[in-house]
């Protein structure tokens, strides 16, 4: 859907593009490296290992601002004239039968973990923004993003 949104922003009919579906993040990178596809839209954290050695080039990031660290020189889509932001939400989720007390324990533990130097170092190594949202706030954010994605999929004819 990211490619369709970018095409739309570039005044290209997304229905005229050829899409290749892949499972997970490794398959599209393999296809790109093997010259089976010309471009992929993926998660930058999956692409970072291939940036060393100049095996791939990152054309844009779909974030509201440039990423930190090794990816700081990669312009945003917006900087290039395409008003497109696509947040990647990383989180841990529990099932509906988890007690309120256990749920809160996990929220508290992840809140503490996010403040550690080790966590911050890992986040920076992967070129990820700080996004310390937990508990009910994260639940509401994820539900809103899913609804936004659902509406976008309907607009492109990808869902009913």
N, C-alpha and C. Protein backbone atom coordinates (compact mmCIF):
# COMPACT_ATOMS: atom_id res chain seq x y z
N UNK A 1 0.82 -1.19 0.00
CA UNK A 1 0.00 0.00 0.00
C UNK A 1 0.87 1.26 0.00
N UNK A 2 2.08 1.15 0.57
CA UNK A 2 2.97 2.32 0.56
C UNK A 2 3.29 2.73 -0.87
N UNK A 3 3.54 1.75 -1.73
CA UNK A 3 3.86 2.06 -3.12
C UNK A 3 2.67 2.71 -3.82
N UNK A 4 1.47 2.25 -3.52
CA UNK A 4 0.27 2.84 -4.12
C UNK A 4 0.09 4.28 -3.66
N UNK A 5 0.34 4.54 -2.38
CA UNK A 5 0.23 5.91 -1.88
C UNK A 5 1.26 6.83 -2.53
N UNK A 6 2.49 6.33 -2.67
CA UNK A 6 3.53 7.14 -3.31
C UNK A 6 3.17 7.41 -4.77
N UNK A 7 2.69 6.39 -5.47
CA UNK A 7 2.28 6.58 -6.86
C UNK A 7 1.20 7.64 -6.96
N UNK A 8 0.23 7.55 -6.08
CA UNK A 8 -0.87 8.52 -6.08
C UNK A 8 -0.33 9.93 -5.87
N UNK A 9 0.60 10.09 -4.93
CA UNK A 9 1.18 11.40 -4.65
C UNK A 9 1.97 11.92 -5.85
N UNK A 10 2.49 11.00 -6.68
CA UNK A 10 3.27 11.38 -7.86
C UNK A 10 2.39 11.47 -9.11
N UNK A 11 1.07 11.47 -8.90
CA UNK A 11 0.10 11.55 -10.01
C UNK A 11 0.23 10.38 -11.00
N UNK A 12 0.54 9.21 -10.46
CA UNK A 12 0.58 7.97 -11.24
C UNK A 12 -0.56 7.10 -10.75
N UNK A 13 -1.32 6.54 -11.66
CA UNK A 13 -2.43 5.67 -11.27
C UNK A 13 -1.86 4.39 -10.68
N UNK A 14 -2.06 4.13 -9.39
CA UNK A 14 -1.50 2.93 -8.77
C UNK A 14 -2.01 1.64 -9.40
N UNK A 15 -3.16 1.69 -10.06
CA UNK A 15 -3.70 0.49 -10.70
C UNK A 15 -2.88 0.09 -11.93
N UNK A 16 -2.05 1.00 -12.44
CA UNK A 16 -1.22 0.71 -13.60
C UNK A 16 0.15 0.16 -13.22
N UNK A 17 0.39 -0.01 -11.93
CA UNK A 17 1.67 -0.54 -11.47
C UNK A 17 1.57 -2.05 -11.31
N UNK A 18 2.69 -2.72 -11.44
CA UNK A 18 2.72 -4.16 -11.21
C UNK A 18 3.27 -4.40 -9.81
N UNK A 19 2.51 -5.10 -9.01
CA UNK A 19 2.91 -5.38 -7.63
C UNK A 19 3.31 -6.84 -7.49
N UNK A 20 4.33 -7.08 -6.71
CA UNK A 20 4.75 -8.44 -6.40
C UNK A 20 4.65 -8.58 -4.88
N UNK A 21 3.86 -9.54 -4.43
CA UNK A 21 3.67 -9.74 -2.99
C UNK A 21 4.76 -10.65 -2.44
N UNK A 22 5.28 -10.29 -1.29
CA UNK A 22 6.30 -11.09 -0.62
C UNK A 22 5.87 -11.34 0.82
N UNK A 23 6.38 -12.42 1.38
CA UNK A 23 6.18 -12.72 2.80
C UNK A 23 7.40 -12.21 3.55
N UNK A 24 7.19 -11.39 4.54
CA UNK A 24 8.29 -10.92 5.37
C UNK A 24 9.21 -9.93 4.67
N UNK A 25 10.30 -9.58 5.35
CA UNK A 25 11.20 -8.56 4.84
C UNK A 25 12.38 -9.07 4.04
N UNK A 26 12.73 -10.33 4.23
CA UNK A 26 13.91 -10.86 3.54
C UNK A 26 13.65 -11.10 2.06
N UNK A 27 12.46 -11.60 1.72
CA UNK A 27 12.15 -11.94 0.33
C UNK A 27 12.25 -10.74 -0.63
N UNK A 28 11.70 -9.57 -0.29
CA UNK A 28 11.83 -8.45 -1.23
C UNK A 28 13.28 -7.99 -1.39
N UNK A 29 14.06 -8.05 -0.33
CA UNK A 29 15.47 -7.65 -0.43
C UNK A 29 16.21 -8.63 -1.34
N UNK A 30 15.94 -9.92 -1.19
CA UNK A 30 16.56 -10.93 -2.05
C UNK A 30 16.19 -10.68 -3.51
N UNK A 31 14.92 -10.37 -3.76
CA UNK A 31 14.46 -10.09 -5.13
C UNK A 31 15.14 -8.84 -5.69
N UNK A 32 15.32 -7.83 -4.85
CA UNK A 32 15.98 -6.60 -5.28
C UNK A 32 17.45 -6.87 -5.61
N UNK A 33 18.14 -7.58 -4.71
CA UNK A 33 19.55 -7.88 -4.93
C UNK A 33 19.76 -8.77 -6.15
N UNK A 34 18.77 -9.61 -6.47
CA UNK A 34 18.86 -10.49 -7.63
C UNK A 34 18.35 -9.86 -8.91
N UNK A 35 18.01 -8.57 -8.86
CA UNK A 35 17.48 -7.84 -10.02
C UNK A 35 16.18 -8.43 -10.55
N UNK A 36 15.38 -9.01 -9.67
CA UNK A 36 14.07 -9.54 -10.07
C UNK A 36 12.99 -8.47 -9.97
N UNK A 37 13.24 -7.44 -9.16
CA UNK A 37 12.36 -6.28 -9.04
C UNK A 37 13.23 -5.03 -9.08
N UNK A 38 12.62 -3.91 -9.45
CA UNK A 38 13.38 -2.67 -9.57
C UNK A 38 13.43 -1.86 -8.29
N UNK A 39 12.41 -2.01 -7.46
CA UNK A 39 12.33 -1.23 -6.22
C UNK A 39 11.48 -1.99 -5.22
N UNK A 40 11.74 -1.75 -3.95
CA UNK A 40 10.92 -2.33 -2.89
C UNK A 40 10.59 -1.25 -1.88
N UNK A 41 9.49 -1.43 -1.24
CA UNK A 41 9.10 -0.58 -0.12
C UNK A 41 9.18 -1.46 1.10
N UNK A 42 10.06 -1.13 2.00
CA UNK A 42 10.25 -2.01 3.14
C UNK A 42 10.59 -1.26 4.40
N UNK A 43 10.81 -2.01 5.42
CA UNK A 43 11.17 -1.49 6.73
C UNK A 43 12.68 -1.23 6.73
N UNK A 44 13.07 -0.01 7.04
CA UNK A 44 14.49 0.33 6.99
C UNK A 44 15.34 -0.53 7.91
N UNK A 45 14.79 -0.96 9.03
CA UNK A 45 15.59 -1.79 9.93
C UNK A 45 16.00 -3.09 9.25
N UNK A 46 15.21 -3.55 8.28
CA UNK A 46 15.57 -4.75 7.53
C UNK A 46 16.58 -4.44 6.43
N UNK A 47 16.68 -3.20 6.03
CA UNK A 47 17.56 -2.80 4.93
C UNK A 47 18.96 -2.41 5.39
N UNK A 48 19.11 -2.01 6.64
CA UNK A 48 20.38 -1.48 7.14
C UNK A 48 21.57 -2.39 6.82
N UNK A 49 21.47 -3.72 7.02
CA UNK A 49 22.65 -4.55 6.72
C UNK A 49 23.12 -4.46 5.26
N UNK A 50 22.22 -4.15 4.35
CA UNK A 50 22.56 -4.10 2.93
C UNK A 50 23.08 -2.73 2.50
N UNK A 51 22.95 -1.74 3.38
CA UNK A 51 23.46 -0.41 3.07
C UNK A 51 24.98 -0.40 3.14
N UNK A 52 25.53 -1.20 4.05
CA UNK A 52 26.98 -1.31 4.14
C UNK A 52 27.43 -2.11 2.93
N UNK A 53 28.35 -1.59 2.20
CA UNK A 53 28.80 -2.24 0.98
C UNK A 53 28.06 -1.76 -0.25
N UNK A 54 27.18 -0.79 -0.06
CA UNK A 54 26.45 -0.16 -1.17
C UNK A 54 25.72 -1.17 -2.05
N UNK A 55 25.09 -2.16 -1.44
CA UNK A 55 24.33 -3.16 -2.21
C UNK A 55 22.97 -2.62 -2.64
N UNK A 56 22.43 -1.69 -1.86
CA UNK A 56 21.16 -1.06 -2.21
C UNK A 56 21.26 0.43 -1.92
N UNK A 57 20.33 1.20 -2.49
CA UNK A 57 20.25 2.63 -2.21
C UNK A 57 18.86 2.92 -1.65
N UNK A 58 18.82 3.70 -0.61
CA UNK A 58 17.54 4.13 -0.05
C UNK A 58 17.19 5.46 -0.70
N UNK A 59 16.03 5.52 -1.32
CA UNK A 59 15.62 6.72 -2.04
C UNK A 59 14.90 7.73 -1.15
N UNK A 60 14.15 7.23 -0.17
CA UNK A 60 13.39 8.12 0.71
C UNK A 60 12.95 7.35 1.94
N UNK A 61 12.71 8.08 3.00
CA UNK A 61 12.07 7.50 4.19
C UNK A 61 10.69 8.13 4.31
N UNK A 62 9.73 7.32 4.73
CA UNK A 62 8.35 7.80 4.87
C UNK A 62 8.08 8.21 6.30
N UNK A 63 8.95 9.04 6.85
CA UNK A 63 8.78 9.55 8.20
C UNK A 63 8.62 11.06 8.14
N UNK A 64 8.19 11.63 9.25
CA UNK A 64 7.96 13.08 9.27
C UNK A 64 9.26 13.87 9.30
N UNK A 65 10.34 13.22 9.71
CA UNK A 65 11.65 13.87 9.72
C UNK A 65 12.71 12.83 9.40
N UNK A 66 13.90 13.30 9.08
CA UNK A 66 14.99 12.37 8.76
C UNK A 66 15.31 11.47 9.94
N UNK A 67 15.78 10.28 9.61
CA UNK A 67 16.15 9.33 10.64
C UNK A 67 17.52 9.68 11.21
N UNK A 68 17.81 9.22 12.41
CA UNK A 68 19.12 9.49 13.01
C UNK A 68 20.18 8.52 12.49
N UNK A 69 21.40 8.76 12.88
CA UNK A 69 22.49 7.82 12.63
C UNK A 69 22.88 7.66 11.18
N UNK A 70 23.13 6.41 10.79
CA UNK A 70 23.65 6.09 9.46
C UNK A 70 22.71 6.50 8.34
N UNK A 71 21.45 6.70 8.64
CA UNK A 71 20.46 7.04 7.62
C UNK A 71 20.13 8.53 7.59
N UNK A 72 20.90 9.33 8.30
CA UNK A 72 20.61 10.76 8.41
C UNK A 72 20.66 11.50 7.07
N UNK A 73 21.38 10.98 6.10
CA UNK A 73 21.48 11.64 4.79
C UNK A 73 20.35 11.27 3.84
N UNK A 74 19.50 10.35 4.23
CA UNK A 74 18.39 9.93 3.36
C UNK A 74 17.23 10.91 3.54
N UNK A 75 16.82 11.58 2.46
CA UNK A 75 15.73 12.55 2.58
C UNK A 75 14.37 11.88 2.80
N UNK A 76 13.48 12.62 3.40
CA UNK A 76 12.11 12.13 3.55
C UNK A 76 11.38 12.28 2.22
N UNK A 77 10.29 11.55 2.08
CA UNK A 77 9.46 11.70 0.87
C UNK A 77 8.95 13.13 0.79
N UNK A 78 8.59 13.68 1.95
CA UNK A 78 8.05 15.05 1.97
C UNK A 78 9.08 16.06 1.47
N UNK A 79 10.34 15.88 1.84
CA UNK A 79 11.40 16.77 1.34
C UNK A 79 11.49 16.72 -0.18
N UNK A 80 11.10 15.60 -0.76
CA UNK A 80 11.18 15.42 -2.20
C UNK A 80 9.87 15.75 -2.91
N UNK A 81 8.94 16.34 -2.15
CA UNK A 81 7.69 16.80 -2.76
C UNK A 81 6.51 15.85 -2.65
N UNK A 82 6.65 14.78 -1.87
CA UNK A 82 5.56 13.81 -1.72
C UNK A 82 5.13 13.77 -0.26
N UNK A 83 3.97 14.29 0.03
CA UNK A 83 3.47 14.39 1.40
C UNK A 83 2.99 13.02 1.87
N UNK A 84 3.94 12.21 2.31
CA UNK A 84 3.65 10.83 2.68
C UNK A 84 4.41 10.45 3.94
N UNK A 85 3.69 10.03 4.95
CA UNK A 85 4.28 9.52 6.19
C UNK A 85 3.63 8.17 6.46
N UNK A 86 4.45 7.16 6.72
CA UNK A 86 3.94 5.81 6.99
C UNK A 86 4.66 5.30 8.24
N UNK A 87 4.04 5.40 9.38
CA UNK A 87 4.71 4.96 10.61
C UNK A 87 4.77 3.43 10.70
N UNK A 88 5.88 2.95 11.18
CA UNK A 88 6.04 1.52 11.47
C UNK A 88 5.88 1.39 12.98
N UNK A 89 4.93 0.60 13.39
CA UNK A 89 4.64 0.45 14.81
C UNK A 89 5.24 -0.86 15.29
N UNK A 90 6.19 -0.76 16.19
CA UNK A 90 6.78 -1.95 16.79
C UNK A 90 6.28 -2.02 18.22
N UNK A 91 5.84 -3.18 18.61
CA UNK A 91 5.34 -3.30 19.96
C UNK A 91 5.20 -4.75 20.37
N UNK A 92 4.81 -4.94 21.60
CA UNK A 92 4.51 -6.25 22.14
C UNK A 92 3.05 -6.23 22.56
N UNK A 93 2.36 -7.28 22.24
CA UNK A 93 0.93 -7.33 22.49
C UNK A 93 0.61 -8.59 23.28
N UNK A 94 -0.39 -8.49 24.14
CA UNK A 94 -0.82 -9.64 24.93
C UNK A 94 -2.24 -10.01 24.53
N UNK A 95 -2.61 -11.23 24.84
CA UNK A 95 -3.93 -11.74 24.49
C UNK A 95 -5.03 -11.19 25.39
N UNK A 96 -6.27 -11.40 24.99
CA UNK A 96 -7.41 -10.84 25.72
C UNK A 96 -7.64 -11.47 27.10
N UNK A 97 -7.06 -12.62 27.36
CA UNK A 97 -7.29 -13.29 28.65
C UNK A 97 -6.23 -12.96 29.69
N UNK A 98 -5.29 -12.09 29.35
CA UNK A 98 -4.27 -11.67 30.31
C UNK A 98 -4.93 -10.77 31.34
N UNK A 99 -4.65 -11.02 32.61
CA UNK A 99 -5.28 -10.23 33.68
C UNK A 99 -4.83 -8.78 33.62
N UNK A 100 -5.62 -7.89 34.21
CA UNK A 100 -5.26 -6.47 34.26
C UNK A 100 -3.94 -6.27 34.99
N UNK A 101 -3.72 -7.05 36.06
CA UNK A 101 -2.49 -6.93 36.83
C UNK A 101 -1.28 -7.34 35.99
N UNK A 102 -1.39 -8.45 35.28
CA UNK A 102 -0.28 -8.90 34.43
C UNK A 102 -0.05 -7.92 33.28
N UNK A 103 -1.12 -7.43 32.71
CA UNK A 103 -1.01 -6.43 31.63
C UNK A 103 -0.24 -5.21 32.14
N UNK A 104 -0.60 -4.72 33.30
CA UNK A 104 0.07 -3.54 33.84
C UNK A 104 1.52 -3.82 34.17
N UNK A 105 1.81 -5.05 34.62
CA UNK A 105 3.20 -5.42 34.89
C UNK A 105 4.02 -5.28 33.62
N UNK A 106 3.52 -5.81 32.50
CA UNK A 106 4.23 -5.71 31.23
C UNK A 106 4.39 -4.26 30.78
N UNK A 107 3.35 -3.47 30.92
CA UNK A 107 3.43 -2.05 30.55
C UNK A 107 4.54 -1.37 31.35
N UNK A 108 4.57 -1.61 32.66
CA UNK A 108 5.59 -1.01 33.52
C UNK A 108 6.99 -1.47 33.14
N UNK A 109 7.14 -2.77 32.88
CA UNK A 109 8.46 -3.31 32.53
C UNK A 109 8.97 -2.73 31.21
N UNK A 110 8.10 -2.65 30.22
CA UNK A 110 8.54 -2.07 28.94
C UNK A 110 8.83 -0.58 29.08
N UNK A 111 8.08 0.10 29.91
CA UNK A 111 8.36 1.52 30.15
C UNK A 111 9.75 1.71 30.75
N UNK A 112 10.12 0.83 31.68
CA UNK A 112 11.45 0.89 32.28
C UNK A 112 12.53 0.53 31.26
N UNK A 113 12.28 -0.53 30.50
CA UNK A 113 13.24 -0.99 29.50
C UNK A 113 13.56 0.11 28.49
N UNK A 114 12.56 0.84 28.06
CA UNK A 114 12.77 1.87 27.05
C UNK A 114 13.66 3.01 27.53
N UNK A 115 13.86 3.10 28.82
CA UNK A 115 14.71 4.16 29.37
C UNK A 115 16.17 3.73 29.54
N UNK A 116 16.46 2.45 29.28
CA UNK A 116 17.82 1.96 29.49
C UNK A 116 18.73 2.34 28.32
N UNK A 117 20.02 2.45 28.63
CA UNK A 117 21.00 2.75 27.59
C UNK A 117 21.08 1.63 26.56
N UNK A 118 20.95 0.38 27.01
CA UNK A 118 21.02 -0.76 26.08
C UNK A 118 19.89 -0.69 25.05
N UNK A 119 18.69 -0.36 25.49
CA UNK A 119 17.56 -0.26 24.57
C UNK A 119 17.78 0.89 23.59
N UNK A 120 18.23 2.03 24.11
CA UNK A 120 18.47 3.19 23.26
C UNK A 120 19.54 2.89 22.21
N UNK A 121 20.57 2.15 22.62
CA UNK A 121 21.64 1.79 21.68
C UNK A 121 21.09 0.91 20.56
N UNK A 122 20.30 -0.09 20.91
CA UNK A 122 19.72 -0.98 19.90
C UNK A 122 18.79 -0.22 18.95
N UNK A 123 18.02 0.69 19.49
CA UNK A 123 17.11 1.49 18.66
C UNK A 123 17.91 2.32 17.66
N UNK A 124 18.99 2.93 18.12
CA UNK A 124 19.81 3.77 17.24
C UNK A 124 20.52 2.93 16.18
N UNK A 125 21.02 1.74 16.56
CA UNK A 125 21.68 0.87 15.59
C UNK A 125 20.76 0.51 14.43
N UNK A 126 19.47 0.47 14.69
CA UNK A 126 18.50 0.09 13.67
C UNK A 126 17.86 1.29 12.98
N UNK A 127 18.32 2.49 13.32
CA UNK A 127 17.80 3.69 12.68
C UNK A 127 16.35 3.96 13.01
N UNK A 128 15.94 3.64 14.23
CA UNK A 128 14.54 3.82 14.63
C UNK A 128 14.37 5.08 15.46
N UNK A 129 13.23 5.73 15.29
CA UNK A 129 12.89 6.89 16.11
C UNK A 129 12.51 6.45 17.51
N UNK A 130 12.72 7.35 18.45
CA UNK A 130 12.21 7.12 19.80
C UNK A 130 10.70 7.23 19.75
N UNK A 131 10.03 6.21 20.23
CA UNK A 131 8.56 6.18 20.24
C UNK A 131 8.15 5.38 21.46
N UNK A 132 8.24 6.00 22.62
CA UNK A 132 7.98 5.32 23.87
C UNK A 132 6.52 5.48 24.27
N UNK A 133 5.68 4.72 23.62
CA UNK A 133 4.24 4.75 23.90
C UNK A 133 3.86 3.35 24.35
N UNK A 134 3.15 3.26 25.46
CA UNK A 134 2.81 1.97 26.04
C UNK A 134 1.36 1.94 26.51
N UNK A 135 0.91 0.75 26.85
CA UNK A 135 -0.39 0.59 27.49
C UNK A 135 -1.56 1.07 26.65
N UNK A 136 -2.49 1.72 27.32
CA UNK A 136 -3.72 2.16 26.66
C UNK A 136 -3.45 3.18 25.56
N UNK A 137 -2.44 4.01 25.75
CA UNK A 137 -2.09 4.99 24.72
C UNK A 137 -1.63 4.29 23.44
N UNK A 138 -0.80 3.25 23.58
CA UNK A 138 -0.36 2.48 22.41
C UNK A 138 -1.54 1.74 21.78
N UNK A 139 -2.39 1.17 22.60
CA UNK A 139 -3.57 0.46 22.10
C UNK A 139 -4.43 1.38 21.24
N UNK A 140 -4.69 2.58 21.71
CA UNK A 140 -5.50 3.54 20.96
C UNK A 140 -4.79 3.96 19.67
N UNK A 141 -3.49 4.17 19.74
CA UNK A 141 -2.72 4.57 18.56
C UNK A 141 -2.77 3.48 17.49
N UNK A 142 -2.54 2.24 17.89
CA UNK A 142 -2.55 1.12 16.93
C UNK A 142 -3.92 0.98 16.29
N UNK A 143 -4.97 1.06 17.09
CA UNK A 143 -6.33 0.93 16.54
C UNK A 143 -6.63 2.04 15.53
N UNK A 144 -6.17 3.25 15.80
CA UNK A 144 -6.39 4.35 14.85
C UNK A 144 -5.61 4.11 13.56
N UNK A 145 -4.36 3.67 13.67
CA UNK A 145 -3.56 3.40 12.48
C UNK A 145 -4.19 2.29 11.64
N UNK A 146 -4.66 1.23 12.30
CA UNK A 146 -5.29 0.12 11.57
C UNK A 146 -6.53 0.62 10.83
N UNK A 147 -7.32 1.46 11.46
CA UNK A 147 -8.50 2.00 10.79
C UNK A 147 -8.10 2.88 9.61
N UNK A 148 -7.06 3.69 9.78
CA UNK A 148 -6.57 4.51 8.66
C UNK A 148 -6.11 3.62 7.50
N UNK A 149 -5.37 2.55 7.81
CA UNK A 149 -4.91 1.63 6.77
C UNK A 149 -6.09 0.96 6.08
N UNK A 150 -7.09 0.60 6.85
CA UNK A 150 -8.29 -0.03 6.30
C UNK A 150 -8.98 0.90 5.29
N UNK A 151 -9.09 2.17 5.65
CA UNK A 151 -9.72 3.14 4.75
C UNK A 151 -8.88 3.34 3.49
N UNK A 152 -7.56 3.38 3.64
CA UNK A 152 -6.69 3.52 2.47
C UNK A 152 -6.80 2.30 1.56
N UNK A 153 -6.86 1.12 2.15
CA UNK A 153 -6.99 -0.10 1.35
C UNK A 153 -8.30 -0.09 0.57
N UNK A 154 -9.37 0.38 1.18
CA UNK A 154 -10.65 0.49 0.48
C UNK A 154 -10.55 1.47 -0.68
N UNK A 155 -9.89 2.60 -0.44
CA UNK A 155 -9.76 3.62 -1.48
C UNK A 155 -8.99 3.11 -2.70
N UNK A 156 -8.06 2.19 -2.48
CA UNK A 156 -7.29 1.62 -3.59
C UNK A 156 -7.90 0.35 -4.15
N UNK A 157 -9.05 -0.04 -3.61
CA UNK A 157 -9.70 -1.26 -4.09
C UNK A 157 -9.02 -2.53 -3.62
N UNK A 158 -8.25 -2.43 -2.54
CA UNK A 158 -7.54 -3.59 -2.01
C UNK A 158 -8.35 -4.32 -0.95
N UNK A 159 -9.42 -3.70 -0.48
CA UNK A 159 -10.28 -4.30 0.54
C UNK A 159 -11.71 -3.85 0.30
N UNK A 160 -12.64 -4.63 0.83
CA UNK A 160 -14.06 -4.29 0.68
C UNK A 160 -14.56 -3.53 1.89
